[in-house]
Each structure stands twice: as structure tokens, then as C-alpha cells.
């Protein structure tokens, strides 16, 4: 299974990593494969108490793609978002 985790901007009170996307992949031992994982924007949202709605906050999100949340060889990338 290919899994994508995100760390949300600091100060939101969220857990250190959030599972935001995944794809089931069957591979033989030692095989490799390129996998695409689509991540809907709402997976980055947090509940905004003031507006009583889900909101994607502005800030930097770090994405980690690997076999689990503890994969030390996970691929990483950072993206920035404006609130919406």
C-alpha cells in the first residue's frame, strides 16, 4: 500500500501526521512501480469553530509518501496554501 501523510501548519492543534491519501498496489518482492495518489483538498481541512465549517488553513503543509507513517525512506515535499 502506498500512503501519503500530511503535516499541517503549526498552531492548529492537529496530530503530527494525517493520512490524506493511499493506493493499494500489488508488487512482487523487489519490484518497483510508479503510483499516483489523488488527494482531495478537504483532507487538509480542520474544523473552524468560529464559522462552524471545515476550512483549509493557510500555511505550509509537508507531504510524506511511503509504505507507512513510520517509513524512514518516505518521499517528502512541502506545499503552501492560502486559506479558503
PDB file of N, CA and C in Angstrom:
ATOM      1  N   UNK A   1       0.843  -1.171   0.000  1.00  0.00           N
ATOM      2  CA  UNK A   1       0.000   0.000   0.000  1.00  0.00           C
ATOM      3  C   UNK A   1       0.890   1.237   0.000  1.00  0.00           C
ATOM      4  N   UNK A   2       0.612   2.161  -0.887  1.00  0.00           N
ATOM      5  CA  UNK A   2       1.287   3.461  -0.898  1.00  0.00           C
ATOM      6  C   UNK A   2       0.427   4.414  -0.083  1.00  0.00           C
ATOM      7  N   UNK A   3       1.042   5.121   0.854  1.00  0.00           N
ATOM      8  CA  UNK A   3       0.305   6.018   1.737  1.00  0.00           C
ATOM      9  C   UNK A   3       0.921   7.406   1.685  1.00  0.00           C
ATOM     10  N   UNK A   4       0.046   8.420   1.727  1.00  0.00           N
ATOM     11  CA  UNK A   4       0.506   9.805   1.753  1.00  0.00           C
ATOM     12  C   UNK A   4      -0.005  10.444   3.043  1.00  0.00           C
ATOM     13  N   UNK A   5       0.920  11.001   3.804  1.00  0.00           N
ATOM     14  CA  UNK A   5       0.605  11.681   5.055  1.00  0.00           C
ATOM     15  C   UNK A   5       0.916  13.157   4.897  1.00  0.00           C
ATOM     16  N   UNK A   6       0.232  13.982   5.672  1.00  0.00           N
ATOM     17  CA  UNK A   6       0.495  15.413   5.663  1.00  0.00           C
ATOM     18  C   UNK A   6       0.721  15.899   7.081  1.00  0.00           C
ATOM     19  N   UNK A   7       1.660  16.803   7.231  1.00  0.00           N
ATOM     20  CA  UNK A   7       1.781  17.558   8.469  1.00  0.00           C
ATOM     21  C   UNK A   7       1.163  18.909   8.173  1.00  0.00           C
ATOM     22  N   UNK A   8       0.236  19.323   9.022  1.00  0.00           N
ATOM     23  CA  UNK A   8      -0.467  20.578   8.831  1.00  0.00           C
ATOM     24  C   UNK A   8       0.338  21.722   9.446  1.00  0.00           C
ATOM     25  N   UNK A   9       0.013  22.956   9.065  1.00  0.00           N
ATOM     26  CA  UNK A   9       0.749  24.096   9.630  1.00  0.00           C
ATOM     27  C   UNK A   9       0.715  24.076  11.165  1.00  0.00           C
ATOM     28  N   UNK A  10       1.784  24.529  11.771  1.00  0.00           N
ATOM     29  CA  UNK A  10       1.862  24.540  13.227  1.00  0.00           C
ATOM     30  C   UNK A  10       0.810  25.476  13.811  1.00  0.00           C
ATOM     31  N   UNK A  11       0.432  25.193  15.034  1.00  0.00           N
ATOM     32  CA  UNK A  11      -0.529  26.039  15.731  1.00  0.00           C
ATOM     33  C   UNK A  11      -1.977  25.654  15.538  1.00  0.00           C
ATOM     34  N   UNK A  12      -2.251  24.594  14.773  1.00  0.00           N
ATOM     35  CA  UNK A  12      -3.638  24.185  14.543  1.00  0.00           C
ATOM     36  C   UNK A  12      -4.119  23.162  15.563  1.00  0.00           C
ATOM     37  N   UNK A  13      -3.193  22.644  16.377  1.00  0.00           N
ATOM     38  CA  UNK A  13      -3.574  21.655  17.370  1.00  0.00           C
ATOM     39  C   UNK A  13      -3.894  20.291  16.788  1.00  0.00           C
ATOM     40  N   UNK A  14      -3.345  19.992  15.631  1.00  0.00           N
ATOM     41  CA  UNK A  14      -3.593  18.714  14.961  1.00  0.00           C
ATOM     42  C   UNK A  14      -2.475  17.720  15.268  1.00  0.00           C
ATOM     43  N   UNK A  15      -2.761  16.414  15.111  1.00  0.00           N
ATOM     44  CA  UNK A  15      -1.703  15.403  15.294  1.00  0.00           C
ATOM     45  C   UNK A  15      -0.532  15.668  14.343  1.00  0.00           C
ATOM     46  N   UNK A  16       0.644  15.108  14.644  1.00  0.00           N
ATOM     47  CA  UNK A  16       1.819  15.388  13.821  1.00  0.00           C
ATOM     48  C   UNK A  16       1.697  14.940  12.365  1.00  0.00           C
ATOM     49  N   UNK A  17       0.950  13.869  12.101  1.00  0.00           N
ATOM     50  CA  UNK A  17       0.763  13.392  10.725  1.00  0.00           C
ATOM     51  C   UNK A  17      -0.695  12.991  10.543  1.00  0.00           C
ATOM     52  N   UNK A  18      -1.206  13.272   9.346  1.00  0.00           N
ATOM     53  CA  UNK A  18      -2.573  12.901   8.998  1.00  0.00           C
ATOM     54  C   UNK A  18      -2.551  12.123   7.690  1.00  0.00           C
ATOM     55  N   UNK A  19      -3.178  10.945   7.662  1.00  0.00           N
ATOM     56  CA  UNK A  19      -3.288  10.168   6.426  1.00  0.00           C
ATOM     57  C   UNK A  19      -4.248  10.899   5.497  1.00  0.00           C
ATOM     58  N   UNK A  20      -3.761  11.310   4.322  1.00  0.00           N
ATOM     59  CA  UNK A  20      -4.587  12.078   3.393  1.00  0.00           C
ATOM     60  C   UNK A  20      -4.843  11.364   2.066  1.00  0.00           C
ATOM     61  N   UNK A  21      -4.099  10.308   1.771  1.00  0.00           N
ATOM     62  CA  UNK A  21      -4.306   9.582   0.525  1.00  0.00           C
ATOM     63  C   UNK A  21      -3.594   8.241   0.548  1.00  0.00           C
ATOM     64  N   UNK A  22      -4.082   7.331  -0.284  1.00  0.00           N
ATOM     65  CA  UNK A  22      -3.498   5.999  -0.330  1.00  0.00           C
ATOM     66  C   UNK A  22      -3.888   5.318  -1.636  1.00  0.00           C
ATOM     67  N   UNK A  23      -3.138   4.296  -1.993  1.00  0.00           N
ATOM     68  CA  UNK A  23      -3.425   3.469  -3.164  1.00  0.00           C
ATOM     69  C   UNK A  23      -2.926   2.064  -2.874  1.00  0.00           C
ATOM     70  N   UNK A  24      -3.755   1.086  -3.182  1.00  0.00           N
ATOM     71  CA  UNK A  24      -3.364  -0.306  -2.991  1.00  0.00           C
ATOM     72  C   UNK A  24      -2.571  -0.748  -4.209  1.00  0.00           C
ATOM     73  N   UNK A  25      -1.397  -1.298  -3.957  1.00  0.00           N
ATOM     74  CA  UNK A  25      -0.501  -1.711  -5.030  1.00  0.00           C
ATOM     75  C   UNK A  25       0.014  -3.113  -4.720  1.00  0.00           C
ATOM     76  N   UNK A  26      -0.116  -4.020  -5.677  1.00  0.00           N
ATOM     77  CA  UNK A  26       0.409  -5.382  -5.507  1.00  0.00           C
ATOM     78  C   UNK A  26       1.715  -5.489  -6.298  1.00  0.00           C
ATOM     79  N   UNK A  27       2.794  -5.806  -5.587  1.00  0.00           N
ATOM     80  CA  UNK A  27       4.102  -5.919  -6.222  1.00  0.00           C
ATOM     81  C   UNK A  27       4.784  -7.212  -5.794  1.00  0.00           C
ATOM     82  N   UNK A  28       5.560  -7.756  -6.698  1.00  0.00           N
ATOM     83  CA  UNK A  28       6.410  -8.896  -6.353  1.00  0.00           C
ATOM     84  C   UNK A  28       7.593  -8.372  -5.545  1.00  0.00           C
ATOM     85  N   UNK A  29       8.207  -9.234  -4.774  1.00  0.00           N
ATOM     86  CA  UNK A  29       9.360  -8.849  -3.962  1.00  0.00           C
ATOM     87  C   UNK A  29      10.434  -8.211  -4.836  1.00  0.00           C
ATOM     88  N   UNK A  30      10.918  -7.046  -4.411  1.00  0.00           N
ATOM     89  CA  UNK A  30      11.974  -6.349  -5.134  1.00  0.00           C
ATOM     90  C   UNK A  30      11.496  -5.509  -6.306  1.00  0.00           C
ATOM     91  N   UNK A  31      10.224  -5.575  -6.643  1.00  0.00           N
ATOM     92  CA  UNK A  31       9.692  -4.813  -7.775  1.00  0.00           C
ATOM     93  C   UNK A  31       9.406  -3.377  -7.370  1.00  0.00           C
ATOM     94  N   UNK A  32       9.393  -2.483  -8.338  1.00  0.00           N
ATOM     95  CA  UNK A  32       9.028  -1.087  -8.116  1.00  0.00           C
ATOM     96  C   UNK A  32       7.960  -0.683  -9.114  1.00  0.00           C
ATOM     97  N   UNK A  33       7.225   0.354  -8.761  1.00  0.00           N
ATOM     98  CA  UNK A  33       6.161   0.836  -9.648  1.00  0.00           C
ATOM     99  C   UNK A  33       5.867   2.288  -9.301  1.00  0.00           C
ATOM    100  N   UNK A  34       5.584   3.093 -10.299  1.00  0.00           N
ATOM    101  CA  UNK A  34       5.153   4.466 -10.073  1.00  0.00           C
ATOM    102  C   UNK A  34       3.663   4.442  -9.745  1.00  0.00           C
ATOM    103  N   UNK A  35       3.295   5.168  -8.690  1.00  0.00           N
ATOM    104  CA  UNK A  35       1.905   5.182  -8.228  1.00  0.00           C
ATOM    105  C   UNK A  35       1.436   6.627  -8.143  1.00  0.00           C
ATOM    106  N   UNK A  36       0.215   6.888  -8.594  1.00  0.00           N
ATOM    107  CA  UNK A  36      -0.399   8.210  -8.464  1.00  0.00           C
ATOM    108  C   UNK A  36      -1.465   8.147  -7.384  1.00  0.00           C
ATOM    109  N   UNK A  37      -1.470   9.139  -6.517  1.00  0.00           N
ATOM    110  CA  UNK A  37      -2.457   9.224  -5.447  1.00  0.00           C
ATOM    111  C   UNK A  37      -3.095  10.605  -5.524  1.00  0.00           C
ATOM    112  N   UNK A  38      -4.400  10.642  -5.739  1.00  0.00           N
ATOM    113  CA  UNK A  38      -5.133  11.902  -5.771  1.00  0.00           C
ATOM    114  C   UNK A  38      -5.578  12.238  -4.354  1.00  0.00           C
ATOM    115  N   UNK A  39      -5.318  13.468  -3.937  1.00  0.00           N
ATOM    116  CA  UNK A  39      -5.665  13.892  -2.583  1.00  0.00           C
ATOM    117  C   UNK A  39      -6.658  15.049  -2.673  1.00  0.00           C
ATOM    118  N   UNK A  40      -7.910  14.808  -2.283  1.00  0.00           N
ATOM    119  CA  UNK A  40      -8.898  15.896  -2.293  1.00  0.00           C
ATOM    120  C   UNK A  40      -8.514  16.993  -1.285  1.00  0.00           C
ATOM    121  N   UNK A  41      -8.767  18.237  -1.613  1.00  0.00           N
ATOM    122  CA  UNK A  41      -8.406  19.367  -0.756  1.00  0.00           C
ATOM    123  C   UNK A  41      -9.028  19.264   0.628  1.00  0.00           C
ATOM    124  N   UNK A  42     -10.228  18.690   0.742  1.00  0.00           N
ATOM    125  CA  UNK A  42     -10.893  18.619   2.050  1.00  0.00           C
ATOM    126  C   UNK A  42     -10.126  17.751   3.049  1.00  0.00           C
ATOM    127  N   UNK A  43      -9.205  16.914   2.590  1.00  0.00           N
ATOM    128  CA  UNK A  43      -8.397  16.110   3.518  1.00  0.00           C
ATOM    129  C   UNK A  43      -7.423  16.969   4.325  1.00  0.00           C
ATOM    130  N   UNK A  44      -7.214  18.210   3.898  1.00  0.00           N
ATOM    131  CA  UNK A  44      -6.338  19.129   4.610  1.00  0.00           C
ATOM    132  C   UNK A  44      -7.116  20.072   5.528  1.00  0.00           C
ATOM    133  N   UNK A  45      -8.422  19.941   5.542  1.00  0.00           N
ATOM    134  CA  UNK A  45      -9.273  20.862   6.296  1.00  0.00           C
ATOM    135  C   UNK A  45      -9.320  20.529   7.780  1.00  0.00           C
ATOM    136  N   UNK A  46      -9.541  21.568   8.575  1.00  0.00           N
ATOM    137  CA  UNK A  46      -9.781  21.433  10.011  1.00  0.00           C
ATOM    138  C   UNK A  46     -11.084  22.161  10.319  1.00  0.00           C
ATOM    139  N   UNK A  47     -11.709  21.785  11.428  1.00  0.00           N
ATOM    140  CA  UNK A  47     -12.975  22.396  11.812  1.00  0.00           C
ATOM    141  C   UNK A  47     -12.722  23.779  12.403  1.00  0.00           C
ATOM    142  N   UNK A  48     -13.373  24.791  11.829  1.00  0.00           N
ATOM    143  CA  UNK A  48     -13.260  26.162  12.326  1.00  0.00           C
ATOM    144  C   UNK A  48     -14.459  26.446  13.220  1.00  0.00           C
ATOM    145  N   UNK A  49     -14.211  26.567  14.529  1.00  0.00           N
ATOM    146  CA  UNK A  49     -15.283  26.766  15.499  1.00  0.00           C
ATOM    147  C   UNK A  49     -16.031  28.068  15.237  1.00  0.00           C
ATOM    148  N   UNK A  50     -15.306  29.103  14.850  1.00  0.00           N
ATOM    149  CA  UNK A  50     -15.930  30.411  14.630  1.00  0.00           C
ATOM    150  C   UNK A  50     -16.954  30.423  13.507  1.00  0.00           C
ATOM    151  N   UNK A  51     -16.630  29.771  12.400  1.00  0.00           N
ATOM    152  CA  UNK A  51     -17.545  29.768  11.244  1.00  0.00           C
ATOM    153  C   UNK A  51     -18.389  28.504  11.163  1.00  0.00           C
ATOM    154  N   UNK A  52     -18.150  27.564  12.067  1.00  0.00           N
ATOM    155  CA  UNK A  52     -18.870  26.282  12.071  1.00  0.00           C
ATOM    156  C   UNK A  52     -18.784  25.587  10.713  1.00  0.00           C
ATOM    157  N   UNK A  53     -17.560  25.545  10.186  1.00  0.00           N
ATOM    158  CA  UNK A  53     -17.345  24.936   8.874  1.00  0.00           C
ATOM    159  C   UNK A  53     -15.924  24.387   8.792  1.00  0.00           C
ATOM    160  N   UNK A  54     -15.725  23.459   7.849  1.00  0.00           N
ATOM    161  CA  UNK A  54     -14.389  22.945   7.578  1.00  0.00           C
ATOM    162  C   UNK A  54     -13.632  23.987   6.778  1.00  0.00           C
ATOM    163  N   UNK A  55     -12.337  24.127   7.074  1.00  0.00           N
ATOM    164  CA  UNK A  55     -11.540  25.174   6.451  1.00  0.00           C
ATOM    165  C   UNK A  55     -10.125  24.656   6.197  1.00  0.00           C
ATOM    166  N   UNK A  56      -9.578  24.961   5.013  1.00  0.00           N
ATOM    167  CA  UNK A  56      -8.173  24.688   4.724  1.00  0.00           C
ATOM    168  C   UNK A  56      -7.409  25.952   5.101  1.00  0.00           C
ATOM    169  N   UNK A  57      -6.557  25.851   6.080  1.00  0.00           N
ATOM    170  CA  UNK A  57      -5.819  27.000   6.588  1.00  0.00           C
ATOM    171  C   UNK A  57      -4.622  27.334   5.718  1.00  0.00           C
ATOM    172  N   UNK A  58      -4.249  28.600   5.741  1.00  0.00           N
ATOM    173  CA  UNK A  58      -3.043  28.993   5.010  1.00  0.00           C
ATOM    174  C   UNK A  58      -1.824  28.516   5.784  1.00  0.00           C
ATOM    175  N   UNK A  59      -0.759  28.283   5.065  1.00  0.00           N
ATOM    176  CA  UNK A  59       0.473  27.838   5.692  1.00  0.00           C
ATOM    177  C   UNK A  59       1.171  26.789   4.864  1.00  0.00           C
ATOM    178  N   UNK A  60       2.201  26.194   5.442  1.00  0.00           N
ATOM    179  CA  UNK A  60       2.996  25.176   4.754  1.00  0.00           C
ATOM    180  C   UNK A  60       2.571  23.787   5.219  1.00  0.00           C
ATOM    181  N   UNK A  61       2.303  22.925   4.262  1.00  0.00           N
ATOM    182  CA  UNK A  61       1.945  21.530   4.503  1.00  0.00           C
ATOM    183  C   UNK A  61       3.082  20.674   3.963  1.00  0.00           C
ATOM    184  N   UNK A  62       3.545  19.715   4.757  1.00  0.00           N
ATOM    185  CA  UNK A  62       4.569  18.791   4.296  1.00  0.00           C
ATOM    186  C   UNK A  62       3.901  17.458   3.984  1.00  0.00           C
ATOM    187  N   UNK A  63       4.156  16.932   2.792  1.00  0.00           N
ATOM    188  CA  UNK A  63       3.604  15.649   2.364  1.00  0.00           C
ATOM    189  C   UNK A  63       4.696  14.590   2.437  1.00  0.00           C
ATOM    190  N   UNK A  64       4.329  13.416   2.944  1.00  0.00           N
ATOM    191  CA  UNK A  64       5.248  12.285   3.037  1.00  0.00           C
ATOM    192  C   UNK A  64       4.589  11.095   2.351  1.00  0.00           C
ATOM    193  N   UNK A  65       5.254  10.507   1.374  1.00  0.00           N
ATOM    194  CA  UNK A  65       4.717   9.358   0.640  1.00  0.00           C
ATOM    195  C   UNK A  65       5.607   8.154   0.883  1.00  0.00           C
ATOM    196  N   UNK A  66       5.003   7.075   1.378  1.00  0.00           N
ATOM    197  CA  UNK A  66       5.769   5.869   1.664  1.00  0.00           C
ATOM    198  C   UNK A  66       4.860   4.693   1.944  1.00  0.00           C
ATOM    199  N   UNK A  67       5.392   3.709   2.627  1.00  0.00           N
ATOM    200  CA  UNK A  67       4.639   2.483   2.902  1.00  0.00           C
ATOM    201  C   UNK A  67       3.874   2.536   4.222  1.00  0.00           C
ATOM    202  N   UNK A  68       4.234   3.485   5.099  1.00  0.00           N
ATOM    203  CA  UNK A  68       3.544   3.647   6.380  1.00  0.00           C
ATOM    204  C   UNK A  68       3.917   5.005   6.959  1.00  0.00           C
ATOM    205  N   UNK A  69       3.312   5.350   8.096  1.00  0.00           N
ATOM    206  CA  UNK A  69       3.623   6.626   8.746  1.00  0.00           C
ATOM    207  C   UNK A  69       5.031   6.641   9.330  1.00  0.00           C
ATOM    208  N   UNK A  70       5.633   5.474   9.482  1.00  0.00           N
ATOM    209  CA  UNK A  70       6.978   5.381  10.055  1.00  0.00           C
ATOM    210  C   UNK A  70       8.057   5.080   9.027  1.00  0.00           C
ATOM    211  N   UNK A  71       7.724   5.191   7.743  1.00  0.00           N
ATOM    212  CA  UNK A  71       8.669   4.883   6.666  1.00  0.00           C
ATOM    213  C   UNK A  71       9.791   5.920   6.647  1.00  0.00           C
ATOM    214  N   UNK A  72      10.988   5.516   7.038  1.00  0.00           N
ATOM    215  CA  UNK A  72      12.122   6.442   7.081  1.00  0.00           C
ATOM    216  C   UNK A  72      12.607   6.820   5.683  1.00  0.00           C
ATOM    217  N   UNK A  73      12.202   6.074   4.665  1.00  0.00           N
ATOM    218  CA  UNK A  73      12.589   6.372   3.288  1.00  0.00           C
ATOM    219  C   UNK A  73      11.480   7.085   2.514  1.00  0.00           C
ATOM    220  N   UNK A  74      10.489   7.618   3.217  1.00  0.00           N
ATOM    221  CA  UNK A  74       9.367   8.287   2.555  1.00  0.00           C
ATOM    222  C   UNK A  74       9.854   9.480   1.739  1.00  0.00           C
ATOM    223  N   UNK A  75       9.194   9.687   0.608  1.00  0.00           N
ATOM    224  CA  UNK A  75       9.465  10.872  -0.211  1.00  0.00           C
ATOM    225  C   UNK A  75       8.759  12.041   0.454  1.00  0.00           C
ATOM    226  N   UNK A  76       9.380  13.215   0.475  1.00  0.00           N
ATOM    227  CA  UNK A  76       8.763  14.378   1.100  1.00  0.00           C
ATOM    228  C   UNK A  76       8.730  15.558   0.154  1.00  0.00           C
ATOM    229  N   UNK A  77       7.718  16.394   0.333  1.00  0.00           N
ATOM    230  CA  UNK A  77       7.589  17.633  -0.417  1.00  0.00           C
ATOM    231  C   UNK A  77       6.789  18.599   0.440  1.00  0.00           C
ATOM    232  N   UNK A  78       7.065  19.875   0.314  1.00  0.00           N
ATOM    233  CA  UNK A  78       6.316  20.890   1.030  1.00  0.00           C
ATOM    234  C   UNK A  78       5.533  21.738   0.036  1.00  0.00           C
ATOM    235  N   UNK A  79       4.303  22.090   0.441  1.00  0.00           N
ATOM    236  CA  UNK A  79       3.468  22.946  -0.390  1.00  0.00           C
ATOM    237  C   UNK A  79       2.874  24.033   0.499  1.00  0.00           C
ATOM    238  N   UNK A  80       2.617  25.191  -0.075  1.00  0.00           N
ATOM    239  CA  UNK A  80       1.996  26.279   0.660  1.00  0.00           C
ATOM    240  C   UNK A  80       0.587  26.483   0.155  1.00  0.00           C
ATOM    241  N   UNK A  81      -0.286  26.916   1.063  1.00  0.00           N
ATOM    242  CA  UNK A  81      -1.681  27.122   0.719  1.00  0.00           C
ATOM    243  C   UNK A  81      -2.172  28.445   1.284  1.00  0.00           C
ATOM    244  N   UNK A  82      -3.061  29.081   0.534  1.00  0.00           N
ATOM    245  CA  UNK A  82      -3.776  30.246   1.038  1.00  0.00           C
ATOM    246  C   UNK A  82      -5.093  29.749   1.597  1.00  0.00           C
ATOM    247  N   UNK A  83      -5.589  30.335   2.672  1.00  0.00           N
ATOM    248  CA  UNK A  83      -6.845  29.897   3.293  1.00  0.00           C
ATOM    249  C   UNK A  83      -7.995  30.023   2.312  1.00  0.00           C
ATOM    250  N   UNK A  84      -8.887  29.008   2.358  1.00  0.00           N
ATOM    251  CA  UNK A  84     -10.128  29.072   1.577  1.00  0.00           C
ATOM    252  C   UNK A  84     -11.158  28.161   2.196  1.00  0.00           C
TER     253      UNK A  84
END
